[in-house]
Amino acid sequence: MKTMGRRICITTNDVELVTGQSYRQSLRLLHEIANSLNKAVKFVTIQEFCNHTGLNIEQVEKTIFG
């Protein structure tokens, strides 16, 4: 049985879409978030992104997932 699940991690392309920033600026923002949480840059969750930026998680998920 195949289940449809949503990602919990946010990508640089997602950050671009949500913020309107360039790819490089989006990557810098993800690095900033990961550094503030003392974790690997590779995995930043949507919740952590929203907590850091102050954006509403429902709006962010709607923008990313449609």
PDB file of N, CA and C in Angstrom:
ATOM      1  N   MET A   1       0.836  -1.170   0.000  1.00  0.00           N
ATOM      2  CA  MET A   1       0.000   0.000   0.000  1.00  0.00           C
ATOM      3  C   MET A   1       0.886   1.241   0.000  1.00  0.00           C
ATOM      4  N   LYS A   2       0.628   2.137  -0.909  1.00  0.00           N
ATOM      5  CA  LYS A   2       1.413   3.358  -1.019  1.00  0.00           C
ATOM      6  C   LYS A   2       0.664   4.500  -0.334  1.00  0.00           C
ATOM      7  N   THR A   3       1.356   5.198   0.553  1.00  0.00           N
ATOM      8  CA  THR A   3       0.730   6.326   1.231  1.00  0.00           C
ATOM      9  C   THR A   3       1.341   7.616   0.727  1.00  0.00           C
ATOM     10  N   MET A   4       0.525   8.620   0.628  1.00  0.00           N
ATOM     11  CA  MET A   4       1.001   9.936   0.209  1.00  0.00           C
ATOM     12  C   MET A   4       1.367  10.729   1.460  1.00  0.00           C
ATOM     13  N   GLY A   5       2.610  11.091   1.571  1.00  0.00           N
ATOM     14  CA  GLY A   5       3.052  11.874   2.708  1.00  0.00           C
ATOM     15  C   GLY A   5       3.703  13.157   2.238  1.00  0.00           C
ATOM     16  N   ARG A   6       3.700  14.119   3.100  1.00  0.00           N
ATOM     17  CA  ARG A   6       4.361  15.379   2.789  1.00  0.00           C
ATOM     18  C   ARG A   6       5.726  15.385   3.448  1.00  0.00           C
ATOM     19  N   ARG A   7       6.622  16.104   2.818  1.00  0.00           N
ATOM     20  CA  ARG A   7       7.963  16.245   3.382  1.00  0.00           C
ATOM     21  C   ARG A   7       7.890  17.072   4.658  1.00  0.00           C
ATOM     22  N   ILE A   8       8.805  16.822   5.566  1.00  0.00           N
ATOM     23  CA  ILE A   8       8.887  17.659   6.757  1.00  0.00           C
ATOM     24  C   ILE A   8      10.073  18.614   6.674  1.00  0.00           C
ATOM     25  N   CYS A   9      11.009  18.337   5.771  1.00  0.00           N
ATOM     26  CA  CYS A   9      12.178  19.199   5.601  1.00  0.00           C
ATOM     27  C   CYS A   9      11.930  20.196   4.478  1.00  0.00           C
ATOM     28  N   ILE A  10      12.495  21.362   4.630  1.00  0.00           N
ATOM     29  CA  ILE A  10      12.341  22.413   3.630  1.00  0.00           C
ATOM     30  C   ILE A  10      13.625  22.498   2.809  1.00  0.00           C
ATOM     31  N   THR A  11      13.477  22.719   1.525  1.00  0.00           N
ATOM     32  CA  THR A  11      14.630  22.806   0.629  1.00  0.00           C
ATOM     33  C   THR A  11      14.899  24.260   0.256  1.00  0.00           C
ATOM     34  N   THR A  12      16.047  24.481  -0.342  1.00  0.00           N
ATOM     35  CA  THR A  12      16.401  25.822  -0.795  1.00  0.00           C
ATOM     36  C   THR A  12      15.393  26.334  -1.815  1.00  0.00           C
ATOM     37  N   ASN A  13      14.937  25.451  -2.692  1.00  0.00           N
ATOM     38  CA  ASN A  13      13.941  25.860  -3.684  1.00  0.00           C
ATOM     39  C   ASN A  13      12.624  26.256  -3.028  1.00  0.00           C
ATOM     40  N   ASP A  14      12.248  25.577  -1.947  1.00  0.00           N
ATOM     41  CA  ASP A  14      11.040  25.942  -1.208  1.00  0.00           C
ATOM     42  C   ASP A  14      11.194  27.328  -0.593  1.00  0.00           C
ATOM     43  N   VAL A  15      12.363  27.593  -0.015  1.00  0.00           N
ATOM     44  CA  VAL A  15      12.620  28.899   0.599  1.00  0.00           C
ATOM     45  C   VAL A  15      12.548  29.997  -0.461  1.00  0.00           C
ATOM     46  N   GLU A  16      13.096  29.724  -1.639  1.00  0.00           N
ATOM     47  CA  GLU A  16      12.994  30.670  -2.759  1.00  0.00           C
ATOM     48  C   GLU A  16      11.541  30.990  -3.061  1.00  0.00           C
ATOM     49  N   LEU A  17      10.723  29.964  -3.143  1.00  0.00           N
ATOM     50  CA  LEU A  17       9.315  30.115  -3.485  1.00  0.00           C
ATOM     51  C   LEU A  17       8.566  30.919  -2.425  1.00  0.00           C
ATOM     52  N   VAL A  18       8.827  30.638  -1.168  1.00  0.00           N
ATOM     53  CA  VAL A  18       8.115  31.284  -0.067  1.00  0.00           C
ATOM     54  C   VAL A  18       8.559  32.731   0.123  1.00  0.00           C
ATOM     55  N   THR A  19       9.872  32.977   0.053  1.00  0.00           N
ATOM     56  CA  THR A  19      10.395  34.307   0.380  1.00  0.00           C
ATOM     57  C   THR A  19      10.608  35.213  -0.821  1.00  0.00           C
ATOM     58  N   GLY A  20      10.743  34.621  -1.999  1.00  0.00           N
ATOM     59  CA  GLY A  20      11.037  35.423  -3.182  1.00  0.00           C
ATOM     60  C   GLY A  20      12.503  35.795  -3.298  1.00  0.00           C
ATOM     61  N   GLN A  21      13.337  35.221  -2.437  1.00  0.00           N
ATOM     62  CA  GLN A  21      14.770  35.500  -2.483  1.00  0.00           C
ATOM     63  C   GLN A  21      15.433  34.648  -3.555  1.00  0.00           C
ATOM     64  N   SER A  22      16.669  35.006  -3.866  1.00  0.00           N
ATOM     65  CA  SER A  22      17.444  34.218  -4.824  1.00  0.00           C
ATOM     66  C   SER A  22      17.841  32.887  -4.188  1.00  0.00           C
ATOM     67  N   TYR A  23      18.339  31.986  -5.030  1.00  0.00           N
ATOM     68  CA  TYR A  23      18.781  30.671  -4.547  1.00  0.00           C
ATOM     69  C   TYR A  23      19.872  30.834  -3.491  1.00  0.00           C
ATOM     70  N   ARG A  24      20.838  31.691  -3.778  1.00  0.00           N
ATOM     71  CA  ARG A  24      21.970  31.882  -2.863  1.00  0.00           C
ATOM     72  C   ARG A  24      21.514  32.471  -1.526  1.00  0.00           C
ATOM     73  N   GLN A  25      20.628  33.460  -1.560  1.00  0.00           N
ATOM     74  CA  GLN A  25      20.125  34.054  -0.318  1.00  0.00           C
ATOM     75  C   GLN A  25      19.297  33.047   0.479  1.00  0.00           C
ATOM     76  N   SER A  26      18.552  32.207  -0.234  1.00  0.00           N
ATOM     77  CA  SER A  26      17.765  31.161   0.424  1.00  0.00           C
ATOM     78  C   SER A  26      18.677  30.150   1.103  1.00  0.00           C
ATOM     79  N   LEU A  27      19.766  29.802   0.448  1.00  0.00           N
ATOM     80  CA  LEU A  27      20.744  28.885   1.025  1.00  0.00           C
ATOM     81  C   LEU A  27      21.380  29.492   2.272  1.00  0.00           C
ATOM     82  N   ARG A  28      21.691  30.772   2.210  1.00  0.00           N
ATOM     83  CA  ARG A  28      22.262  31.460   3.380  1.00  0.00           C
ATOM     84  C   ARG A  28      21.285  31.447   4.552  1.00  0.00           C
ATOM     85  N   LEU A  29      19.999  31.653   4.264  1.00  0.00           N
ATOM     86  CA  LEU A  29      18.990  31.630   5.317  1.00  0.00           C
ATOM     87  C   LEU A  29      18.906  30.246   5.963  1.00  0.00           C
ATOM     88  N   LEU A  30      18.942  29.193   5.160  1.00  0.00           N
ATOM     89  CA  LEU A  30      18.921  27.839   5.718  1.00  0.00           C
ATOM     90  C   LEU A  30      20.160  27.573   6.572  1.00  0.00           C
ATOM     91  N   HIS A  31      21.320  28.057   6.135  1.00  0.00           N
ATOM     92  CA  HIS A  31      22.549  27.921   6.929  1.00  0.00           C
ATOM     93  C   HIS A  31      22.407  28.666   8.252  1.00  0.00           C
ATOM     94  N   GLU A  32      21.844  29.859   8.202  1.00  0.00           N
ATOM     95  CA  GLU A  32      21.651  30.665   9.408  1.00  0.00           C
ATOM     96  C   GLU A  32      20.738  29.937  10.402  1.00  0.00           C
ATOM     97  N   ILE A  33      19.648  29.373   9.900  1.00  0.00           N
ATOM     98  CA  ILE A  33      18.709  28.639  10.753  1.00  0.00           C
ATOM     99  C   ILE A  33      19.393  27.422  11.363  1.00  0.00           C
ATOM    100  N   ALA A  34      20.088  26.646  10.549  1.00  0.00           N
ATOM    101  CA  ALA A  34      20.770  25.444  11.038  1.00  0.00           C
ATOM    102  C   ALA A  34      21.836  25.794  12.073  1.00  0.00           C
ATOM    103  N   ASN A  35      22.589  26.847  11.825  1.00  0.00           N
ATOM    104  CA  ASN A  35      23.622  27.259  12.782  1.00  0.00           C
ATOM    105  C   ASN A  35      23.009  27.689  14.107  1.00  0.00           C
ATOM    106  N   SER A  36      21.877  28.385  14.058  1.00  0.00           N
ATOM    107  CA  SER A  36      21.233  28.827  15.294  1.00  0.00           C
ATOM    108  C   SER A  36      20.690  27.646  16.097  1.00  0.00           C
ATOM    109  N   LEU A  37      20.405  26.537  15.408  1.00  0.00           N
ATOM    110  CA  LEU A  37      19.894  25.331  16.073  1.00  0.00           C
ATOM    111  C   LEU A  37      20.987  24.301  16.344  1.00  0.00           C
ATOM    112  N   ASN A  38      22.220  24.621  15.959  1.00  0.00           N
ATOM    113  CA  ASN A  38      23.361  23.705  16.118  1.00  0.00           C
ATOM    114  C   ASN A  38      23.086  22.336  15.501  1.00  0.00           C
ATOM    115  N   LYS A  39      22.686  22.346  14.235  1.00  0.00           N
ATOM    116  CA  LYS A  39      22.407  21.086  13.552  1.00  0.00           C
ATOM    117  C   LYS A  39      22.928  21.128  12.128  1.00  0.00           C
ATOM    118  N   ALA A  40      22.900  19.981  11.467  1.00  0.00           N
ATOM    119  CA  ALA A  40      23.369  19.886  10.085  1.00  0.00           C
ATOM    120  C   ALA A  40      22.462  20.704   9.173  1.00  0.00           C
ATOM    121  N   VAL A  41      23.071  21.406   8.241  1.00  0.00           N
ATOM    122  CA  VAL A  41      22.326  22.260   7.322  1.00  0.00           C
ATOM    123  C   VAL A  41      21.403  21.434   6.436  1.00  0.00           C
ATOM    124  N   LYS A  42      21.768  20.186   6.216  1.00  0.00           N
ATOM    125  CA  LYS A  42      21.030  19.350   5.281  1.00  0.00           C
ATOM    126  C   LYS A  42      19.562  19.168   5.671  1.00  0.00           C
ATOM    127  N   PHE A  43      19.257  19.213   6.965  1.00  0.00           N
ATOM    128  CA  PHE A  43      17.894  18.944   7.403  1.00  0.00           C
ATOM    129  C   PHE A  43      17.355  20.053   8.301  1.00  0.00           C
ATOM    130  N   VAL A  44      16.601  20.971   7.717  1.00  0.00           N
ATOM    131  CA  VAL A  44      15.874  21.993   8.461  1.00  0.00           C
ATOM    132  C   VAL A  44      14.401  21.735   8.192  1.00  0.00           C
ATOM    133  N   THR A  45      13.612  21.602   9.254  1.00  0.00           N
ATOM    134  CA  THR A  45      12.197  21.296   9.061  1.00  0.00           C
ATOM    135  C   THR A  45      11.411  22.560   8.727  1.00  0.00           C
ATOM    136  N   ILE A  46      10.238  22.347   8.178  1.00  0.00           N
ATOM    137  CA  ILE A  46       9.361  23.472   7.854  1.00  0.00           C
ATOM    138  C   ILE A  46       8.993  24.212   9.135  1.00  0.00           C
ATOM    139  N   GLN A  47       8.758  23.469  10.223  1.00  0.00           N
ATOM    140  CA  GLN A  47       8.418  24.086  11.507  1.00  0.00           C
ATOM    141  C   GLN A  47       9.563  24.968  12.010  1.00  0.00           C
ATOM    142  N   GLU A  48      10.797  24.480  11.920  1.00  0.00           N
ATOM    143  CA  GLU A  48      11.957  25.270  12.346  1.00  0.00           C
ATOM    144  C   GLU A  48      12.096  26.521  11.489  1.00  0.00           C
ATOM    145  N   PHE A  49      11.869  26.381  10.184  1.00  0.00           N
ATOM    146  CA  PHE A  49      11.923  27.526   9.282  1.00  0.00           C
ATOM    147  C   PHE A  49      10.889  28.573   9.691  1.00  0.00           C
ATOM    148  N   CYS A  50       9.673  28.126   9.960  1.00  0.00           N
ATOM    149  CA  CYS A  50       8.602  29.050  10.337  1.00  0.00           C
ATOM    150  C   CYS A  50       8.880  29.711  11.684  1.00  0.00           C
ATOM    151  N   ASN A  51       9.392  28.951  12.637  1.00  0.00           N
ATOM    152  CA  ASN A  51       9.735  29.521  13.941  1.00  0.00           C
ATOM    153  C   ASN A  51      10.795  30.603  13.795  1.00  0.00           C
ATOM    154  N   HIS A  52      11.771  30.378  12.949  1.00  0.00           N
ATOM    155  CA  HIS A  52      12.870  31.327  12.764  1.00  0.00           C
ATOM    156  C   HIS A  52      12.415  32.590  12.032  1.00  0.00           C
ATOM    157  N   THR A  53      11.586  32.421  11.006  1.00  0.00           N
ATOM    158  CA  THR A  53      11.183  33.561  10.180  1.00  0.00           C
ATOM    159  C   THR A  53       9.927  34.255  10.684  1.00  0.00           C
ATOM    160  N   GLY A  54       9.163  33.573  11.537  1.00  0.00           N
ATOM    161  CA  GLY A  54       7.923  34.153  12.034  1.00  0.00           C
ATOM    162  C   GLY A  54       6.754  34.007  11.070  1.00  0.00           C
ATOM    163  N   LEU A  55       6.922  33.185  10.047  1.00  0.00           N
ATOM    164  CA  LEU A  55       5.851  32.961   9.075  1.00  0.00           C
ATOM    165  C   LEU A  55       4.873  31.912   9.596  1.00  0.00           C
ATOM    166  N   ASN A  56       3.639  31.986   9.116  1.00  0.00           N
ATOM    167  CA  ASN A  56       2.589  31.048   9.494  1.00  0.00           C
ATOM    168  C   ASN A  56       2.805  29.726   8.772  1.00  0.00           C
ATOM    169  N   ILE A  57       2.837  28.624   9.515  1.00  0.00           N
ATOM    170  CA  ILE A  57       3.138  27.322   8.915  1.00  0.00           C
ATOM    171  C   ILE A  57       2.076  26.893   7.905  1.00  0.00           C
ATOM    172  N   GLU A  58       0.815  27.231   8.156  1.00  0.00           N
ATOM    173  CA  GLU A  58      -0.238  26.848   7.214  1.00  0.00           C
ATOM    174  C   GLU A  58      -0.050  27.541   5.870  1.00  0.00           C
ATOM    175  N   GLN A  59       0.310  28.815   5.908  1.00  0.00           N
ATOM    176  CA  GLN A  59       0.537  29.559   4.668  1.00  0.00           C
ATOM    177  C   GLN A  59       1.761  29.033   3.927  1.00  0.00           C
ATOM    178  N   VAL A  60       2.798  28.705   4.663  1.00  0.00           N
ATOM    179  CA  VAL A  60       4.020  28.184   4.047  1.00  0.00           C
ATOM    180  C   VAL A  60       3.739  26.837   3.386  1.00  0.00           C
ATOM    181  N   GLU A  61       3.050  25.946   4.094  1.00  0.00           N
ATOM    182  CA  GLU A  61       2.726  24.635   3.520  1.00  0.00           C
ATOM    183  C   GLU A  61       1.820  24.770   2.307  1.00  0.00           C
ATOM    184  N   LYS A  62       0.879  25.699   2.355  1.00  0.00           N
ATOM    185  CA  LYS A  62      -0.010  25.925   1.207  1.00  0.00           C
ATOM    186  C   LYS A  62       0.790  26.394  -0.004  1.00  0.00           C
ATOM    187  N   THR A  63       1.765  27.254   0.222  1.00  0.00           N
ATOM    188  CA  THR A  63       2.606  27.750  -0.871  1.00  0.00           C
ATOM    189  C   THR A  63       3.485  26.639  -1.441  1.00  0.00           C
ATOM    190  N   ILE A  64       4.047  25.820  -0.583  1.00  0.00           N
ATOM    191  CA  ILE A  64       4.950  24.758  -1.029  1.00  0.00           C
ATOM    192  C   ILE A  64       4.194  23.611  -1.696  1.00  0.00           C
ATOM    193  N   PHE A  65       3.142  23.142  -1.047  1.00  0.00           N
ATOM    194  CA  PHE A  65       2.452  21.934  -1.500  1.00  0.00           C
ATOM    195  C   PHE A  65       1.235  22.206  -2.377  1.00  0.00           C
ATOM    196  N   GLY A  66       0.833  23.450  -2.440  1.00  0.00           N
ATOM    197  CA  GLY A  66      -0.300  23.793  -3.306  1.00  0.00           C
ATOM    198  C   GLY A  66      -1.642  23.682  -2.685  1.00  0.00           C
TER     199      GLY A  66
END
